[in-house]
Structures are given as structure tokens and as C-alpha cells.
N, C-alpha and C. Protein backbone atom coordinates (compact mmCIF):
# COMPACT_ATOMS: atom_id res chain seq x y z
N MET A 1 142.73 137.51 54.07
CA MET A 1 143.04 137.34 55.46
C MET A 1 143.61 135.94 55.71
N GLU A 2 142.93 134.94 55.15
CA GLU A 2 143.36 133.57 55.39
C GLU A 2 144.72 133.29 54.74
N SER A 3 144.98 133.91 53.61
CA SER A 3 146.29 133.70 52.98
C SER A 3 147.40 134.33 53.81
N ARG A 4 147.13 135.47 54.46
CA ARG A 4 148.13 136.08 55.34
C ARG A 4 148.42 135.17 56.53
N ILE A 5 147.39 134.53 57.07
CA ILE A 5 147.58 133.61 58.19
C ILE A 5 148.42 132.41 57.75
N ILE A 6 148.10 131.85 56.59
CA ILE A 6 148.84 130.67 56.10
C ILE A 6 150.29 131.01 55.82
N ARG A 7 150.54 132.18 55.21
CA ARG A 7 151.93 132.58 54.94
C ARG A 7 152.73 132.73 56.22
N LEU A 8 152.11 133.31 57.25
CA LEU A 8 152.80 133.47 58.52
C LEU A 8 153.06 132.12 59.18
N LEU A 9 152.11 131.20 59.09
CA LEU A 9 152.31 129.88 59.66
C LEU A 9 153.39 129.09 58.92
N LEU A 10 153.55 129.36 57.63
CA LEU A 10 154.63 128.70 56.88
C LEU A 10 156.00 129.20 57.32
N GLU A 11 156.07 130.47 57.76
CA GLU A 11 157.35 131.05 58.16
C GLU A 11 157.70 130.76 59.62
N MET A 12 156.72 130.79 60.50
CA MET A 12 156.97 130.69 61.95
C MET A 12 156.39 129.40 62.51
N TYR A 13 157.10 128.81 63.45
CA TYR A 13 156.57 127.69 64.22
C TYR A 13 157.36 127.59 65.51
N PRO A 14 156.78 127.44 66.61
CA PRO A 14 155.38 127.40 66.98
C PRO A 14 154.78 128.80 67.05
N VAL A 15 153.48 128.87 66.87
CA VAL A 15 152.78 130.15 66.85
C VAL A 15 151.58 130.07 67.78
N THR A 16 151.43 131.09 68.61
CA THR A 16 150.27 131.19 69.47
C THR A 16 149.28 132.19 68.87
N LEU A 17 148.07 132.21 69.42
CA LEU A 17 147.07 133.17 68.96
C LEU A 17 147.54 134.60 69.18
N ARG A 18 148.20 134.85 70.29
CA ARG A 18 148.71 136.20 70.57
C ARG A 18 149.78 136.61 69.56
N ASP A 19 150.62 135.66 69.16
CA ASP A 19 151.63 135.95 68.13
C ASP A 19 150.97 136.35 66.81
N LEU A 20 149.93 135.60 66.43
CA LEU A 20 149.22 135.92 65.20
C LEU A 20 148.55 137.28 65.27
N GLU A 21 147.92 137.58 66.39
CA GLU A 21 147.27 138.89 66.56
C GLU A 21 148.28 140.02 66.42
N ARG A 22 149.43 139.84 67.04
CA ARG A 22 150.45 140.89 67.01
C ARG A 22 151.08 141.03 65.62
N GLU A 23 151.42 139.93 64.99
CA GLU A 23 152.08 139.99 63.69
C GLU A 23 151.17 140.50 62.58
N LEU A 24 149.89 140.13 62.64
CA LEU A 24 148.96 140.52 61.58
C LEU A 24 148.17 141.78 61.92
N SER A 25 148.32 142.29 63.13
CA SER A 25 147.59 143.49 63.59
C SER A 25 146.09 143.29 63.45
N LEU A 26 145.60 142.20 64.03
CA LEU A 26 144.18 141.87 63.96
C LEU A 26 143.56 141.84 65.34
N ARG A 27 142.26 142.04 65.38
CA ARG A 27 141.52 141.84 66.63
C ARG A 27 141.33 140.35 66.83
N GLY A 28 141.11 139.96 68.07
CA GLY A 28 140.98 138.55 68.40
C GLY A 28 139.79 137.87 67.75
N ASP A 29 138.64 138.56 67.69
CA ASP A 29 137.45 137.94 67.12
C ASP A 29 137.57 137.74 65.61
N VAL A 30 138.23 138.66 64.93
CA VAL A 30 138.43 138.52 63.48
C VAL A 30 139.36 137.35 63.19
N LEU A 31 140.42 137.24 63.98
CA LEU A 31 141.36 136.14 63.82
C LEU A 31 140.70 134.79 64.11
N GLU A 32 139.92 134.72 65.16
CA GLU A 32 139.25 133.46 65.51
C GLU A 32 138.26 133.03 64.45
N ARG A 33 137.57 133.97 63.82
CA ARG A 33 136.62 133.65 62.75
C ARG A 33 137.36 133.08 61.54
N SER A 34 138.49 133.67 61.19
CA SER A 34 139.27 133.16 60.06
C SER A 34 139.87 131.79 60.38
N LEU A 35 140.34 131.62 61.60
CA LEU A 35 140.90 130.33 61.99
C LEU A 35 139.83 129.24 62.01
N LYS A 36 138.62 129.59 62.41
CA LYS A 36 137.54 128.61 62.43
C LYS A 36 137.25 128.11 61.01
N ALA A 37 137.32 129.02 60.03
CA ALA A 37 137.11 128.61 58.64
C ALA A 37 138.24 127.70 58.16
N LEU A 38 139.47 128.01 58.56
CA LEU A 38 140.61 127.17 58.17
C LEU A 38 140.56 125.80 58.84
N VAL A 39 140.09 125.75 60.08
CA VAL A 39 139.95 124.48 60.79
C VAL A 39 138.88 123.62 60.11
N ALA A 40 137.79 124.25 59.69
CA ALA A 40 136.71 123.50 59.05
C ALA A 40 137.16 122.89 57.73
N ARG A 41 138.10 123.52 57.04
CA ARG A 41 138.62 122.99 55.79
C ARG A 41 139.78 122.02 55.99
N GLY A 42 140.24 121.86 57.23
CA GLY A 42 141.32 120.92 57.51
C GLY A 42 142.70 121.45 57.18
N ILE A 43 142.87 122.77 57.20
CA ILE A 43 144.16 123.36 56.86
C ILE A 43 145.00 123.60 58.11
N VAL A 44 144.38 124.04 59.20
CA VAL A 44 145.11 124.28 60.45
C VAL A 44 144.44 123.53 61.58
N GLU A 45 145.17 123.43 62.68
CA GLU A 45 144.64 122.84 63.90
C GLU A 45 144.92 123.81 65.04
N VAL A 46 143.91 124.04 65.87
CA VAL A 46 144.06 124.93 67.02
C VAL A 46 144.15 124.04 68.26
N GLU A 47 145.24 124.20 69.01
CA GLU A 47 145.48 123.39 70.20
C GLU A 47 145.39 124.25 71.45
N PRO A 48 144.26 124.25 72.14
CA PRO A 48 144.16 125.05 73.37
C PRO A 48 144.84 124.34 74.54
N LEU A 49 145.75 125.05 75.19
CA LEU A 49 146.42 124.57 76.39
C LEU A 49 145.97 125.46 77.55
N PRO A 50 146.28 125.10 78.79
CA PRO A 50 145.81 125.92 79.92
C PRO A 50 146.26 127.38 79.89
N ASP A 51 147.48 127.66 79.41
CA ASP A 51 147.95 129.04 79.44
C ASP A 51 148.03 129.69 78.06
N ARG A 52 148.13 128.91 76.99
CA ARG A 52 148.26 129.45 75.64
C ARG A 52 147.46 128.59 74.67
N THR A 53 147.19 129.17 73.51
CA THR A 53 146.53 128.44 72.43
C THR A 53 147.46 128.46 71.22
N TYR A 54 147.87 127.29 70.79
CA TYR A 54 148.79 127.18 69.67
C TYR A 54 148.02 126.88 68.39
N VAL A 55 148.56 127.38 67.27
CA VAL A 55 147.99 127.13 65.96
C VAL A 55 149.04 126.39 65.15
N ARG A 56 148.62 125.27 64.55
CA ARG A 56 149.54 124.42 63.81
C ARG A 56 149.01 124.21 62.40
N LEU A 57 149.88 124.33 61.43
CA LEU A 57 149.53 124.13 60.03
C LEU A 57 149.55 122.64 59.72
N LEU A 58 148.48 122.10 59.14
CA LEU A 58 148.40 120.68 58.84
C LEU A 58 148.88 120.36 57.43
N ARG A 59 148.66 121.27 56.50
CA ARG A 59 149.06 121.07 55.11
C ARG A 59 150.16 122.05 54.75
N ARG A 60 151.04 121.67 53.86
CA ARG A 60 152.11 122.56 53.42
C ARG A 60 152.20 122.65 51.90
N ASP A 61 151.17 122.27 51.21
CA ASP A 61 151.20 122.27 49.75
C ASP A 61 150.43 123.46 49.17
N PHE A 62 150.88 124.67 49.50
CA PHE A 62 150.21 125.88 49.05
C PHE A 62 151.06 126.57 48.00
N ALA A 63 150.39 127.15 47.03
CA ALA A 63 151.06 127.95 46.01
C ALA A 63 150.29 129.25 45.86
N PHE A 64 150.93 130.36 46.19
CA PHE A 64 150.31 131.66 46.06
C PHE A 64 150.83 132.32 44.80
N SER A 65 149.91 132.73 43.93
CA SER A 65 150.36 133.31 42.68
C SER A 65 149.68 134.63 42.36
N GLY A 66 148.95 135.20 43.27
CA GLY A 66 148.28 136.47 43.01
C GLY A 66 146.86 136.27 42.52
N LEU A 67 146.29 137.34 41.96
CA LEU A 67 144.91 137.29 41.51
C LEU A 67 144.81 136.67 40.12
N LYS A 68 143.77 135.90 39.92
CA LYS A 68 143.46 135.39 38.60
C LYS A 68 142.77 136.52 37.83
N PRO A 69 142.83 136.49 36.52
CA PRO A 69 142.15 137.54 35.75
C PRO A 69 140.66 137.59 36.02
N SER A 70 140.04 136.47 36.36
CA SER A 70 138.61 136.47 36.64
C SER A 70 138.29 137.10 38.00
N GLN A 71 139.28 137.26 38.88
CA GLN A 71 139.05 137.83 40.19
C GLN A 71 139.21 139.34 40.22
N ARG A 72 139.74 139.92 39.18
CA ARG A 72 139.95 141.36 39.16
C ARG A 72 138.62 142.08 38.96
N ARG A 73 138.49 143.20 39.61
CA ARG A 73 137.26 143.98 39.46
C ARG A 73 137.28 144.74 38.15
N ARG A 74 136.14 144.78 37.52
CA ARG A 74 136.03 145.52 36.28
C ARG A 74 135.70 146.97 36.62
N VAL A 75 136.21 147.88 35.85
CA VAL A 75 135.93 149.29 36.05
C VAL A 75 134.62 149.61 35.36
N ARG A 76 133.69 150.15 36.11
CA ARG A 76 132.41 150.52 35.54
C ARG A 76 132.33 152.03 35.39
N HIS A 77 131.86 152.46 34.26
CA HIS A 77 131.69 153.88 34.00
C HIS A 77 130.20 154.18 33.94
N HIS A 78 129.76 155.10 34.77
CA HIS A 78 128.34 155.44 34.84
C HIS A 78 128.15 156.92 34.58
N GLY A 79 127.04 157.24 33.97
CA GLY A 79 126.56 158.61 33.91
C GLY A 79 127.39 159.60 33.13
N GLY A 80 128.04 159.18 32.10
CA GLY A 80 128.80 160.12 31.29
C GLY A 80 127.88 160.92 30.38
N LYS A 81 128.34 162.08 29.94
CA LYS A 81 127.54 162.90 29.03
C LYS A 81 127.53 162.27 27.65
N SER A 82 126.37 162.29 27.03
CA SER A 82 126.29 161.74 25.68
C SER A 82 126.77 162.78 24.67
N GLU A 83 127.26 162.33 23.57
CA GLU A 83 127.81 163.19 22.54
C GLU A 83 126.80 163.47 21.43
N LYS A 84 125.51 163.38 21.72
CA LYS A 84 124.48 163.61 20.72
C LYS A 84 124.34 165.10 20.45
N THR A 85 124.03 165.42 19.20
CA THR A 85 123.79 166.83 18.86
C THR A 85 122.34 167.17 19.16
N LYS A 86 122.10 168.41 19.47
CA LYS A 86 120.75 168.85 19.80
C LYS A 86 119.98 169.10 18.50
N ASP A 87 118.68 168.84 18.52
CA ASP A 87 117.84 169.00 17.34
C ASP A 87 117.27 170.39 17.17
N TYR A 88 117.57 171.28 18.04
CA TYR A 88 116.95 172.61 17.99
C TYR A 88 117.97 173.67 17.70
N ASP A 89 117.49 174.78 17.14
CA ASP A 89 118.32 175.96 16.89
C ASP A 89 117.77 177.08 17.73
N GLY A 90 118.58 177.95 18.11
CA GLY A 90 118.11 179.12 18.84
C GLY A 90 118.65 179.16 20.24
N PRO A 91 118.37 180.28 20.90
CA PRO A 91 118.95 180.47 22.24
C PRO A 91 118.35 179.58 23.30
N MET A 92 117.05 179.25 23.22
CA MET A 92 116.49 178.45 24.30
C MET A 92 115.83 177.18 23.76
N PHE A 93 114.63 177.29 23.23
CA PHE A 93 113.97 176.08 22.73
C PHE A 93 113.56 176.26 21.28
N GLY A 94 114.04 177.18 20.61
CA GLY A 94 113.90 177.33 19.31
C GLY A 94 113.06 177.76 18.32
């Protein structure tokens, strides 16, 4: 979510909260929570004005390269049938 916000801020300026909501198709509370985390890290600044709230990017030194191998989910296989042979002969229990 935060990377989508940063990418949009790198492309567009000036940006309001309404612009971000519309471009990212997010609810206001979800967007505000993500912006609060970015503000706490010093990446963006939120400027509330009487009629609009603007979001400004403070840093521009970002490099997006996708997932690291350590971030990929491992596929877990559960409950497969075992290939053991049965110890009994006969139709039922032997």
C-alpha cells in the first residue's frame, strides 16, 4: 500500500487526499493510516489547509525492485497420502 502511495507521489504533484483516494481506489481511513505511518518515518508531509489537505513527498531516493527471495511465500504441502505398503494380506484385516 505504501509503495503505491509513494509511486503516485513521485508521478503527480500537487496531490490532495481526495486525489489519492480516487487514484488508488482506497477508503479514507485506510489511506490516512498508511499516510500516518509514512509521516512517522519522515517520508511524506501532510499539509492541512482550510478547504483541502495536500500530501507532499519529502524524500525522492526510492528504488523499487520487486520482492526479495526471502519475502516470497513458501508453498506448504499438508496431508498427502503416504506411499507405505500395508502389512496385511486379505480382504479386510487378514
